[in-house]
Amino acid sequence: MPQHTMAGDEDWLTPIETAEIVNVAPQTLANWRAQGTGPSYSKLSEGRAGRIRYRRRDVLSWLAERRVAA
Protein backbone atom coordinates (compact mmCIF):
# COMPACT_ATOMS: atom_id res chain seq x y z
CA MET A 1 0.00 0.00 0.00
CA PRO A 2 1.49 3.38 -0.96
CA GLN A 3 2.12 5.79 1.86
CA HIS A 4 2.01 9.52 1.33
CA THR A 5 3.74 12.05 3.49
CA MET A 6 2.83 15.68 3.85
CA ALA A 7 3.70 18.34 6.40
CA GLY A 8 5.52 16.96 9.42
CA ASP A 9 6.15 13.56 7.80
CA GLU A 10 2.70 12.37 8.82
CA ASP A 11 1.37 9.28 7.07
CA TRP A 12 -1.52 10.42 4.86
CA LEU A 13 -3.88 8.11 2.98
CA THR A 14 -6.06 8.48 -0.08
CA PRO A 15 -9.79 7.75 0.24
CA ILE A 16 -9.22 4.37 -1.46
CA GLU A 17 -6.50 3.42 1.02
CA THR A 18 -8.66 4.62 3.92
CA ALA A 19 -11.65 2.64 2.65
CA GLU A 20 -9.50 -0.50 2.68
CA ILE A 21 -8.50 0.08 6.30
CA VAL A 22 -12.05 0.85 7.45
CA ASN A 23 -13.42 -1.98 5.27
CA VAL A 24 -16.02 0.13 3.47
CA ALA A 25 -16.46 1.31 -0.11
CA PRO A 26 -14.81 4.61 -1.07
CA GLN A 27 -18.31 5.94 -1.79
CA THR A 28 -19.23 5.29 1.85
CA LEU A 29 -16.39 7.59 2.92
CA ALA A 30 -17.70 10.22 0.49
CA ASN A 31 -21.18 9.85 2.00
CA TRP A 32 -19.77 10.19 5.51
CA ARG A 33 -17.91 13.36 4.50
CA ALA A 34 -21.14 14.83 3.11
CA GLN A 35 -22.97 13.92 6.33
CA GLY A 36 -20.19 15.26 8.57
CA THR A 37 -19.45 11.83 10.05
CA GLY A 38 -16.56 9.43 9.59
CA PRO A 39 -12.86 9.99 10.23
CA SER A 40 -11.32 13.45 10.07
CA TYR A 41 -9.88 14.41 6.70
CA SER A 42 -8.11 17.23 4.93
CA LYS A 43 -9.22 18.74 1.66
CA LEU A 44 -6.16 19.76 -0.32
CA SER A 45 -7.87 21.58 -3.17
CA GLU A 46 -11.07 23.53 -3.68
CA GLY A 47 -14.24 22.38 -5.34
CA ARG A 48 -16.42 19.34 -5.34
CA ALA A 49 -13.67 17.18 -6.79
CA GLY A 50 -11.00 18.47 -4.38
CA ARG A 51 -8.26 16.10 -3.30
CA ILE A 52 -8.98 14.41 0.01
CA ARG A 53 -6.46 12.84 2.38
CA TYR A 54 -6.87 11.10 5.72
CA ARG A 55 -4.18 11.02 8.38
CA ARG A 56 -3.57 7.37 9.31
CA ARG A 57 -3.51 8.06 13.05
CA ASP A 58 -6.88 9.86 12.83
CA VAL A 59 -8.42 6.91 11.01
CA LEU A 60 -7.09 4.41 13.56
CA SER A 61 -8.23 6.63 16.44
CA TRP A 62 -11.70 6.96 14.88
CA LEU A 63 -11.94 3.16 14.62
CA ALA A 64 -10.78 2.70 18.23
CA GLU A 65 -13.45 5.13 19.46
CA ARG A 66 -16.10 2.91 17.90
CA ARG A 67 -14.93 -0.29 19.54
CA VAL A 68 -17.63 -1.91 21.62
CA ALA A 69 -16.47 -4.07 24.50
CA ALA A 70 -18.62 -7.12 25.07
PDB file of N, CA and C in Angstrom:
ATOM      1  N   MET A   1       0.847  -1.175   0.000  1.00  0.00           N
ATOM      2  CA  MET A   1       0.000   0.000   0.000  1.00  0.00           C
ATOM      3  C   MET A   1       0.893   1.240   0.000  1.00  0.00           C
ATOM      4  N   PRO A   2       0.676   2.164  -0.932  1.00  0.00           N
ATOM      5  CA  PRO A   2       1.490   3.382  -0.955  1.00  0.00           C
ATOM      6  C   PRO A   2       1.229   4.237   0.274  1.00  0.00           C
ATOM      7  N   GLN A   3       2.271   4.868   0.750  1.00  0.00           N
ATOM      8  CA  GLN A   3       2.116   5.791   1.865  1.00  0.00           C
ATOM      9  C   GLN A   3       2.531   7.167   1.386  1.00  0.00           C
ATOM     10  N   HIS A   4       1.751   8.143   1.746  1.00  0.00           N
ATOM     11  CA  HIS A   4       2.006   9.515   1.328  1.00  0.00           C
ATOM     12  C   HIS A   4       2.411  10.317   2.558  1.00  0.00           C
ATOM     13  N   THR A   5       3.370  11.185   2.389  1.00  0.00           N
ATOM     14  CA  THR A   5       3.742  12.052   3.494  1.00  0.00           C
ATOM     15  C   THR A   5       3.482  13.491   3.087  1.00  0.00           C
ATOM     16  N   MET A   6       3.056  14.252   4.046  1.00  0.00           N
ATOM     17  CA  MET A   6       2.831  15.683   3.855  1.00  0.00           C
ATOM     18  C   MET A   6       3.517  16.365   5.017  1.00  0.00           C
ATOM     19  N   ALA A   7       3.081  17.542   5.352  1.00  0.00           N
ATOM     20  CA  ALA A   7       3.700  18.340   6.405  1.00  0.00           C
ATOM     21  C   ALA A   7       3.966  17.509   7.656  1.00  0.00           C
ATOM     22  N   GLY A   8       5.172  17.628   8.184  1.00  0.00           N
ATOM     23  CA  GLY A   8       5.519  16.957   9.423  1.00  0.00           C
ATOM     24  C   GLY A   8       5.759  15.462   9.270  1.00  0.00           C
ATOM     25  N   ASP A   9       5.925  14.979   8.058  1.00  0.00           N
ATOM     26  CA  ASP A   9       6.149  13.561   7.800  1.00  0.00           C
ATOM     27  C   ASP A   9       5.056  12.670   8.360  1.00  0.00           C
ATOM     28  N   GLU A  10       3.848  13.181   8.431  1.00  0.00           N
ATOM     29  CA  GLU A  10       2.701  12.369   8.824  1.00  0.00           C
ATOM     30  C   GLU A  10       2.396  11.379   7.716  1.00  0.00           C
ATOM     31  N   ASP A  11       1.777  10.276   8.057  1.00  0.00           N
ATOM     32  CA  ASP A  11       1.371   9.285   7.071  1.00  0.00           C
ATOM     33  C   ASP A  11      -0.053   9.608   6.638  1.00  0.00           C
ATOM     34  N   TRP A  12      -0.218  10.031   5.396  1.00  0.00           N
ATOM     35  CA  TRP A  12      -1.516  10.423   4.855  1.00  0.00           C
ATOM     36  C   TRP A  12      -1.992   9.386   3.841  1.00  0.00           C
ATOM     37  N   LEU A  13      -3.288   9.138   3.824  1.00  0.00           N
ATOM     38  CA  LEU A  13      -3.884   8.112   2.982  1.00  0.00           C
ATOM     39  C   LEU A  13      -4.894   8.712   2.021  1.00  0.00           C
ATOM     40  N   THR A  14      -5.011   8.103   0.861  1.00  0.00           N
ATOM     41  CA  THR A  14      -6.063   8.479  -0.077  1.00  0.00           C
ATOM     42  C   THR A  14      -7.386   7.896   0.416  1.00  0.00           C
ATOM     43  N   PRO A  15      -8.502   8.356  -0.134  1.00  0.00           N
ATOM     44  CA  PRO A  15      -9.788   7.751   0.238  1.00  0.00           C
ATOM     45  C   PRO A  15      -9.840   6.243  -0.059  1.00  0.00           C
ATOM     46  N   ILE A  16      -9.216   5.808  -1.136  1.00  0.00           N
ATOM     47  CA  ILE A  16      -9.224   4.367  -1.456  1.00  0.00           C
ATOM     48  C   ILE A  16      -8.449   3.582  -0.404  1.00  0.00           C
ATOM     49  N   GLU A  17      -7.288   4.092  -0.012  1.00  0.00           N
ATOM     50  CA  GLU A  17      -6.503   3.422   1.024  1.00  0.00           C
ATOM     51  C   GLU A  17      -7.250   3.416   2.356  1.00  0.00           C
ATOM     52  N   THR A  18      -7.897   4.522   2.670  1.00  0.00           N
ATOM     53  CA  THR A  18      -8.664   4.617   3.916  1.00  0.00           C
ATOM     54  C   THR A  18      -9.833   3.651   3.901  1.00  0.00           C
ATOM     55  N   ALA A  19     -10.514   3.562   2.772  1.00  0.00           N
ATOM     56  CA  ALA A  19     -11.648   2.643   2.653  1.00  0.00           C
ATOM     57  C   ALA A  19     -11.207   1.204   2.904  1.00  0.00           C
ATOM     58  N   GLU A  20     -10.022   0.842   2.439  1.00  0.00           N
ATOM     59  CA  GLU A  20      -9.502  -0.503   2.677  1.00  0.00           C
ATOM     60  C   GLU A  20      -9.283  -0.756   4.161  1.00  0.00           C
ATOM     61  N   ILE A  21      -8.745   0.220   4.871  1.00  0.00           N
ATOM     62  CA  ILE A  21      -8.500   0.076   6.300  1.00  0.00           C
ATOM     63  C   ILE A  21      -9.805  -0.036   7.073  1.00  0.00           C
ATOM     64  N   VAL A  22     -10.769   0.807   6.730  1.00  0.00           N
ATOM     65  CA  VAL A  22     -12.046   0.848   7.446  1.00  0.00           C
ATOM     66  C   VAL A  22     -12.973  -0.276   6.981  1.00  0.00           C
ATOM     67  N   ASN A  23     -12.644  -0.879   5.848  1.00  0.00           N
ATOM     68  CA  ASN A  23     -13.418  -1.977   5.266  1.00  0.00           C
ATOM     69  C   ASN A  23     -14.800  -1.521   4.797  1.00  0.00           C
ATOM     70  N   VAL A  24     -14.809  -0.394   4.099  1.00  0.00           N
ATOM     71  CA  VAL A  24     -16.023   0.128   3.469  1.00  0.00           C
ATOM     72  C   VAL A  24     -15.674   0.546   2.041  1.00  0.00           C
ATOM     73  N   ALA A  25     -16.682   0.814   1.252  1.00  0.00           N
ATOM     74  CA  ALA A  25     -16.465   1.306  -0.111  1.00  0.00           C
ATOM     75  C   ALA A  25     -16.013   2.768  -0.064  1.00  0.00           C
ATOM     76  N   PRO A  26     -15.193   3.196  -1.024  1.00  0.00           N
ATOM     77  CA  PRO A  26     -14.809   4.611  -1.072  1.00  0.00           C
ATOM     78  C   PRO A  26     -16.025   5.544  -1.106  1.00  0.00           C
ATOM     79  N   GLN A  27     -17.101   5.115  -1.742  1.00  0.00           N
ATOM     80  CA  GLN A  27     -18.306   5.941  -1.787  1.00  0.00           C
ATOM     81  C   GLN A  27     -18.904   6.132  -0.394  1.00  0.00           C
ATOM     82  N   THR A  28     -18.755   5.142   0.471  1.00  0.00           N
ATOM     83  CA  THR A  28     -19.229   5.287   1.853  1.00  0.00           C
ATOM     84  C   THR A  28     -18.479   6.405   2.552  1.00  0.00           C
ATOM     85  N   LEU A  29     -17.167   6.478   2.338  1.00  0.00           N
ATOM     86  CA  LEU A  29     -16.394   7.585   2.916  1.00  0.00           C
ATOM     87  C   LEU A  29     -16.890   8.923   2.383  1.00  0.00           C
ATOM     88  N   ALA A  30     -17.176   8.981   1.087  1.00  0.00           N
ATOM     89  CA  ALA A  30     -17.701  10.219   0.492  1.00  0.00           C
ATOM     90  C   ALA A  30     -19.037  10.583   1.127  1.00  0.00           C
ATOM     91  N   ASN A  31     -19.881   9.598   1.344  1.00  0.00           N
ATOM     92  CA  ASN A  31     -21.177   9.851   2.001  1.00  0.00           C
ATOM     93  C   ASN A  31     -20.966  10.361   3.413  1.00  0.00           C
ATOM     94  N   TRP A  32     -20.054   9.745   4.146  1.00  0.00           N
ATOM     95  CA  TRP A  32     -19.774  10.186   5.505  1.00  0.00           C
ATOM     96  C   TRP A  32     -19.257  11.616   5.526  1.00  0.00           C
ATOM     97  N   ARG A  33     -18.399  11.977   4.559  1.00  0.00           N
ATOM     98  CA  ARG A  33     -17.909  13.357   4.502  1.00  0.00           C
ATOM     99  C   ARG A  33     -19.064  14.324   4.289  1.00  0.00           C
ATOM    100  N   ALA A  34     -19.983  13.969   3.400  1.00  0.00           N
ATOM    101  CA  ALA A  34     -21.136  14.833   3.114  1.00  0.00           C
ATOM    102  C   ALA A  34     -22.036  14.964   4.337  1.00  0.00           C
ATOM    103  N   GLN A  35     -22.108  13.921   5.137  1.00  0.00           N
ATOM    104  CA  GLN A  35     -22.967  13.924   6.330  1.00  0.00           C
ATOM    105  C   GLN A  35     -22.260  14.508   7.554  1.00  0.00           C
ATOM    106  N   GLY A  36     -20.950  14.736   7.437  1.00  0.00           N
ATOM    107  CA  GLY A  36     -20.194  15.258   8.574  1.00  0.00           C
ATOM    108  C   GLY A  36     -19.838  14.190   9.589  1.00  0.00           C
ATOM    109  N   THR A  37     -19.836  12.928   9.168  1.00  0.00           N
ATOM    110  CA  THR A  37     -19.446  11.829  10.047  1.00  0.00           C
ATOM    111  C   THR A  37     -18.199  11.169   9.470  1.00  0.00           C
ATOM    112  N   GLY A  38     -17.741  10.114  10.090  1.00  0.00           N
ATOM    113  CA  GLY A  38     -16.557   9.426   9.595  1.00  0.00           C
ATOM    114  C   GLY A  38     -15.289  10.045  10.136  1.00  0.00           C
ATOM    115  N   PRO A  39     -14.150   9.484   9.732  1.00  0.00           N
ATOM    116  CA  PRO A  39     -12.863   9.987  10.233  1.00  0.00           C
ATOM    117  C   PRO A  39     -12.564  11.396   9.721  1.00  0.00           C
ATOM    118  N   SER A  40     -11.772  12.109  10.482  1.00  0.00           N
ATOM    119  CA  SER A  40     -11.325  13.447  10.072  1.00  0.00           C
ATOM    120  C   SER A  40     -10.523  13.347   8.789  1.00  0.00           C
ATOM    121  N   TYR A  41     -10.599  14.385   7.975  1.00  0.00           N
ATOM    122  CA  TYR A  41      -9.878  14.406   6.701  1.00  0.00           C
ATOM    123  C   TYR A  41      -9.438  15.819   6.396  1.00  0.00           C
ATOM    124  N   SER A  42      -8.556  15.933   5.425  1.00  0.00           N
ATOM    125  CA  SER A  42      -8.108  17.233   4.931  1.00  0.00           C
ATOM    126  C   SER A  42      -8.451  17.326   3.463  1.00  0.00           C
ATOM    127  N   LYS A  43      -8.919  18.494   3.063  1.00  0.00           N
ATOM    128  CA  LYS A  43      -9.219  18.741   1.660  1.00  0.00           C
ATOM    129  C   LYS A  43      -8.110  19.632   1.114  1.00  0.00           C
ATOM    130  N   LEU A  44      -7.364  19.083   0.152  1.00  0.00           N
ATOM    131  CA  LEU A  44      -6.161  19.755  -0.323  1.00  0.00           C
ATOM    132  C   LEU A  44      -6.404  20.743  -1.452  1.00  0.00           C
ATOM    133  N   SER A  45      -7.558  20.644  -2.094  1.00  0.00           N
ATOM    134  CA  SER A  45      -7.866  21.582  -3.169  1.00  0.00           C
ATOM    135  C   SER A  45      -9.353  21.905  -3.143  1.00  0.00           C
ATOM    136  N   GLU A  46      -9.698  23.032  -3.704  1.00  0.00           N
ATOM    137  CA  GLU A  46     -11.065  23.532  -3.682  1.00  0.00           C
ATOM    138  C   GLU A  46     -11.978  22.753  -4.618  1.00  0.00           C
ATOM    139  N   GLY A  47     -13.251  22.939  -4.419  1.00  0.00           N
ATOM    140  CA  GLY A  47     -14.243  22.381  -5.337  1.00  0.00           C
ATOM    141  C   GLY A  47     -14.745  21.016  -4.926  1.00  0.00           C
ATOM    142  N   ARG A  48     -15.764  20.613  -5.626  1.00  0.00           N
ATOM    143  CA  ARG A  48     -16.422  19.340  -5.336  1.00  0.00           C
ATOM    144  C   ARG A  48     -15.487  18.159  -5.544  1.00  0.00           C
ATOM    145  N   ALA A  49     -14.592  18.265  -6.493  1.00  0.00           N
ATOM    146  CA  ALA A  49     -13.665  17.177  -6.790  1.00  0.00           C
ATOM    147  C   ALA A  49     -12.302  17.404  -6.142  1.00  0.00           C
ATOM    148  N   GLY A  50     -12.260  18.184  -5.057  1.00  0.00           N
ATOM    149  CA  GLY A  50     -10.997  18.465  -4.384  1.00  0.00           C
ATOM    150  C   GLY A  50     -10.329  17.212  -3.864  1.00  0.00           C
ATOM    151  N   ARG A  51      -9.024  17.252  -3.775  1.00  0.00           N
ATOM    152  CA  ARG A  51      -8.256  16.103  -3.301  1.00  0.00           C
ATOM    153  C   ARG A  51      -8.427  15.947  -1.796  1.00  0.00           C
ATOM    154  N   ILE A  52      -8.730  14.736  -1.383  1.00  0.00           N
ATOM    155  CA  ILE A  52      -8.982  14.406   0.013  1.00  0.00           C
ATOM    156  C   ILE A  52      -7.873  13.493   0.513  1.00  0.00           C
ATOM    157  N   ARG A  53      -7.418  13.728   1.730  1.00  0.00           N
ATOM    158  CA  ARG A  53      -6.456  12.844   2.376  1.00  0.00           C
ATOM    159  C   ARG A  53      -6.866  12.659   3.834  1.00  0.00           C
ATOM    160  N   TYR A  54      -6.602  11.466   4.328  1.00  0.00           N
ATOM    161  CA  TYR A  54      -6.867  11.104   5.719  1.00  0.00           C
ATOM    162  C   TYR A  54      -5.539  10.819   6.405  1.00  0.00           C
ATOM    163  N   ARG A  55      -5.385  11.320   7.614  1.00  0.00           N
ATOM    164  CA  ARG A  55      -4.185  11.020   8.384  1.00  0.00           C
ATOM    165  C   ARG A  55      -4.386   9.648   9.036  1.00  0.00           C
ATOM    166  N   ARG A  56      -3.426   8.741   8.824  1.00  0.00           N
ATOM    167  CA  ARG A  56      -3.568   7.367   9.311  1.00  0.00           C
ATOM    168  C   ARG A  56      -3.921   7.331  10.801  1.00  0.00           C
ATOM    169  N   ARG A  57      -3.243   8.123  11.614  1.00  0.00           N
ATOM    170  CA  ARG A  57      -3.513   8.057  13.052  1.00  0.00           C
ATOM    171  C   ARG A  57      -4.932   8.518  13.383  1.00  0.00           C
ATOM    172  N   ASP A  58      -5.500   9.448  12.614  1.00  0.00           N
ATOM    173  CA  ASP A  58      -6.884   9.865  12.831  1.00  0.00           C
ATOM    174  C   ASP A  58      -7.854   8.742  12.490  1.00  0.00           C
ATOM    175  N   VAL A  59      -7.566   8.023  11.422  1.00  0.00           N
ATOM    176  CA  VAL A  59      -8.425   6.906  11.012  1.00  0.00           C
ATOM    177  C   VAL A  59      -8.397   5.817  12.079  1.00  0.00           C
ATOM    178  N   LEU A  60      -7.207   5.458  12.547  1.00  0.00           N
ATOM    179  CA  LEU A  60      -7.086   4.412  13.558  1.00  0.00           C
ATOM    180  C   LEU A  60      -7.730   4.838  14.875  1.00  0.00           C
ATOM    181  N   SER A  61      -7.593   6.104  15.226  1.00  0.00           N
ATOM    182  CA  SER A  61      -8.228   6.625  16.435  1.00  0.00           C
ATOM    183  C   SER A  61      -9.750   6.590  16.303  1.00  0.00           C
ATOM    184  N   TRP A  62     -10.254   6.972  15.140  1.00  0.00           N
ATOM    185  CA  TRP A  62     -11.695   6.958  14.878  1.00  0.00           C
ATOM    186  C   TRP A  62     -12.236   5.534  15.024  1.00  0.00           C
ATOM    187  N   LEU A  63     -11.513   4.561  14.485  1.00  0.00           N
ATOM    188  CA  LEU A  63     -11.936   3.165  14.623  1.00  0.00           C
ATOM    189  C   LEU A  63     -11.934   2.730  16.081  1.00  0.00           C
ATOM    190  N   ALA A  64     -10.888   3.087  16.823  1.00  0.00           N
ATOM    191  CA  ALA A  64     -10.780   2.698  18.228  1.00  0.00           C
ATOM    192  C   ALA A  64     -11.917   3.279  19.066  1.00  0.00           C
ATOM    193  N   GLU A  65     -12.346   4.487  18.740  1.00  0.00           N
ATOM    194  CA  GLU A  65     -13.445   5.126  19.462  1.00  0.00           C
ATOM    195  C   GLU A  65     -14.766   4.393  19.276  1.00  0.00           C
ATOM    196  N   ARG A  66     -14.872   3.628  18.206  1.00  0.00           N
ATOM    197  CA  ARG A  66     -16.102   2.911  17.903  1.00  0.00           C
ATOM    198  C   ARG A  66     -16.103   1.471  18.377  1.00  0.00           C
ATOM    199  N   ARG A  67     -15.025   1.077  19.031  1.00  0.00           N
ATOM    200  CA  ARG A  67     -14.928  -0.287  19.538  1.00  0.00           C
ATOM    201  C   ARG A  67     -15.929  -0.477  20.670  1.00  0.00           C
ATOM    202  N   VAL A  68     -16.645  -1.577  20.592  1.00  0.00           N
ATOM    203  CA  VAL A  68     -17.633  -1.912  21.618  1.00  0.00           C
ATOM    204  C   VAL A  68     -17.129  -3.122  22.373  1.00  0.00           C
ATOM    205  N   ALA A  69     -16.934  -2.952  23.665  1.00  0.00           N
ATOM    206  CA  ALA A  69     -16.472  -4.069  24.495  1.00  0.00           C
ATOM    207  C   ALA A  69     -17.671  -4.922  24.885  1.00  0.00           C
ATOM    208  N   ALA A  70     -17.514  -6.203  24.741  1.00  0.00           N
ATOM    209  CA  ALA A  70     -18.617  -7.120  25.066  1.00  0.00           C
ATOM    210  C   ALA A  70     -18.659  -7.431  26.535  1.00  0.00           C
TER     211      ALA A  70
END
